[in-house]
Amino acid sequence: MSIDRFILRKLSTCQEEHTRANLVRLFVIRIRRAEIAEEHETTYAVSRVH
């Protein structure tokens, strides 16, 4: 199971607010990192073509 699916599954079942807040923060960090990695890949691919 991927970490993203694990976080989403825990979010859907977690009752403790502090833990839920930490899971949301972790998920947001993972989304931001993925966006940054995607931007770098796109920039690299475009610069490689030119």
N, C-alpha and C. Protein backbone atom coordinates (compact mmCIF):
# COMPACT_ATOMS: atom_id res chain seq x y z
N MET A 1 0.86 -1.17 0.00
CA MET A 1 0.00 0.00 0.00
C MET A 1 0.90 1.24 0.00
N SER A 2 0.57 2.19 -0.84
CA SER A 2 1.37 3.42 -0.89
C SER A 2 1.11 4.27 0.35
N ILE A 3 2.06 5.12 0.65
CA ILE A 3 1.92 6.00 1.83
C ILE A 3 0.72 6.93 1.67
N ASP A 4 0.45 7.35 0.45
CA ASP A 4 -0.70 8.24 0.23
C ASP A 4 -2.01 7.53 0.56
N ARG A 5 -2.15 6.30 0.11
CA ARG A 5 -3.36 5.55 0.42
C ARG A 5 -3.47 5.28 1.92
N PHE A 6 -2.33 5.01 2.54
CA PHE A 6 -2.31 4.78 3.98
C PHE A 6 -2.80 6.03 4.72
N ILE A 7 -2.29 7.21 4.33
CA ILE A 7 -2.70 8.46 4.98
C ILE A 7 -4.19 8.69 4.78
N LEU A 8 -4.67 8.49 3.57
CA LEU A 8 -6.11 8.69 3.31
C LEU A 8 -6.97 7.72 4.10
N ARG A 9 -6.54 6.48 4.19
CA ARG A 9 -7.30 5.50 4.97
C ARG A 9 -7.34 5.88 6.44
N LYS A 10 -6.19 6.31 6.98
CA LYS A 10 -6.14 6.73 8.38
C LYS A 10 -7.00 7.97 8.61
N LEU A 11 -6.98 8.91 7.66
CA LEU A 11 -7.81 10.11 7.79
C LEU A 11 -9.29 9.76 7.85
N SER A 12 -9.68 8.79 7.08
CA SER A 12 -11.11 8.45 7.04
C SER A 12 -11.58 7.75 8.31
N THR A 13 -10.66 7.15 9.06
CA THR A 13 -11.06 6.42 10.26
C THR A 13 -10.62 7.08 11.57
N CYS A 14 -9.73 8.05 11.50
CA CYS A 14 -9.16 8.65 12.70
C CYS A 14 -10.18 9.54 13.42
N GLN A 15 -10.25 9.39 14.73
CA GLN A 15 -11.18 10.18 15.54
C GLN A 15 -10.48 11.30 16.31
N GLU A 16 -9.18 11.17 16.52
CA GLU A 16 -8.43 12.12 17.35
C GLU A 16 -8.04 13.34 16.51
N GLU A 17 -8.44 14.53 16.92
CA GLU A 17 -8.23 15.74 16.13
C GLU A 17 -6.77 16.06 15.87
N HIS A 18 -5.94 15.91 16.90
CA HIS A 18 -4.51 16.23 16.74
C HIS A 18 -3.86 15.31 15.71
N THR A 19 -4.20 14.04 15.77
CA THR A 19 -3.66 13.07 14.81
C THR A 19 -4.16 13.38 13.41
N ARG A 20 -5.44 13.72 13.29
CA ARG A 20 -5.99 14.08 11.98
C ARG A 20 -5.29 15.30 11.39
N ALA A 21 -5.03 16.30 12.23
CA ALA A 21 -4.34 17.50 11.77
C ALA A 21 -2.94 17.16 11.27
N ASN A 22 -2.25 16.28 11.98
CA ASN A 22 -0.90 15.88 11.56
C ASN A 22 -0.94 15.10 10.24
N LEU A 23 -1.93 14.24 10.09
CA LEU A 23 -2.07 13.49 8.84
C LEU A 23 -2.35 14.43 7.67
N VAL A 24 -3.19 15.43 7.89
CA VAL A 24 -3.48 16.41 6.83
C VAL A 24 -2.21 17.17 6.47
N ARG A 25 -1.45 17.61 7.48
CA ARG A 25 -0.19 18.31 7.20
C ARG A 25 0.76 17.43 6.39
N LEU A 26 0.88 16.19 6.78
CA LEU A 26 1.75 15.26 6.07
C LEU A 26 1.30 15.09 4.62
N PHE A 27 0.01 14.97 4.42
CA PHE A 27 -0.51 14.80 3.06
C PHE A 27 -0.26 16.04 2.22
N VAL A 28 -0.42 17.22 2.80
CA VAL A 28 -0.16 18.47 2.07
C VAL A 28 1.32 18.55 1.68
N ILE A 29 2.20 18.17 2.59
CA ILE A 29 3.64 18.17 2.28
C ILE A 29 3.92 17.24 1.11
N ARG A 30 3.32 16.05 1.12
CA ARG A 30 3.55 15.09 0.03
C ARG A 30 3.02 15.63 -1.30
N ILE A 31 1.89 16.33 -1.27
CA ILE A 31 1.34 16.92 -2.50
C ILE A 31 2.28 18.00 -3.02
N ARG A 32 2.75 18.87 -2.14
CA ARG A 32 3.67 19.94 -2.56
C ARG A 32 4.95 19.37 -3.15
N ARG A 33 5.51 18.36 -2.50
CA ARG A 33 6.74 17.73 -3.03
C ARG A 33 6.50 17.13 -4.42
N ALA A 34 5.35 16.51 -4.61
CA ALA A 34 5.03 15.92 -5.90
C ALA A 34 4.89 17.01 -6.96
N GLU A 35 4.27 18.13 -6.61
CA GLU A 35 4.13 19.24 -7.55
C GLU A 35 5.50 19.80 -7.93
N ILE A 36 6.38 19.97 -6.95
CA ILE A 36 7.72 20.49 -7.22
C ILE A 36 8.48 19.52 -8.12
N ALA A 37 8.41 18.23 -7.83
CA ALA A 37 9.09 17.23 -8.64
C ALA A 37 8.56 17.25 -10.07
N GLU A 38 7.26 17.40 -10.21
CA GLU A 38 6.65 17.44 -11.54
C GLU A 38 7.12 18.67 -12.31
N GLU A 39 7.19 19.81 -11.64
CA GLU A 39 7.68 21.04 -12.30
C GLU A 39 9.12 20.87 -12.76
N HIS A 40 9.95 20.25 -11.94
CA HIS A 40 11.34 20.04 -12.31
C HIS A 40 11.46 19.10 -13.50
N GLU A 41 10.64 18.06 -13.53
CA GLU A 41 10.65 17.14 -14.66
C GLU A 41 10.25 17.85 -15.94
N THR A 42 9.21 18.67 -15.87
CA THR A 42 8.73 19.40 -17.04
C THR A 42 9.79 20.38 -17.52
N THR A 43 10.40 21.10 -16.61
CA THR A 43 11.44 22.07 -16.95
C THR A 43 12.62 21.35 -17.59
N TYR A 44 13.02 20.23 -17.03
CA TYR A 44 14.13 19.46 -17.56
C TYR A 44 13.81 18.96 -18.96
N ALA A 45 12.60 18.46 -19.16
CA ALA A 45 12.22 17.92 -20.47
C ALA A 45 12.17 19.03 -21.51
N VAL A 46 11.66 20.21 -21.15
CA VAL A 46 11.58 21.32 -22.10
C VAL A 46 12.99 21.83 -22.43
N SER A 47 13.84 21.97 -21.42
CA SER A 47 15.18 22.48 -21.69
C SER A 47 15.98 21.46 -22.49
N ARG A 48 15.70 20.20 -22.35
CA ARG A 48 16.40 19.16 -23.09
C ARG A 48 16.02 19.20 -24.56
N VAL A 49 14.79 19.57 -24.87
CA VAL A 49 14.30 19.62 -26.24
C VAL A 49 14.93 20.79 -26.98
N HIS A 50 15.10 21.91 -26.29
CA HIS A 50 15.61 23.12 -26.95
C HIS A 50 17.08 23.11 -27.09
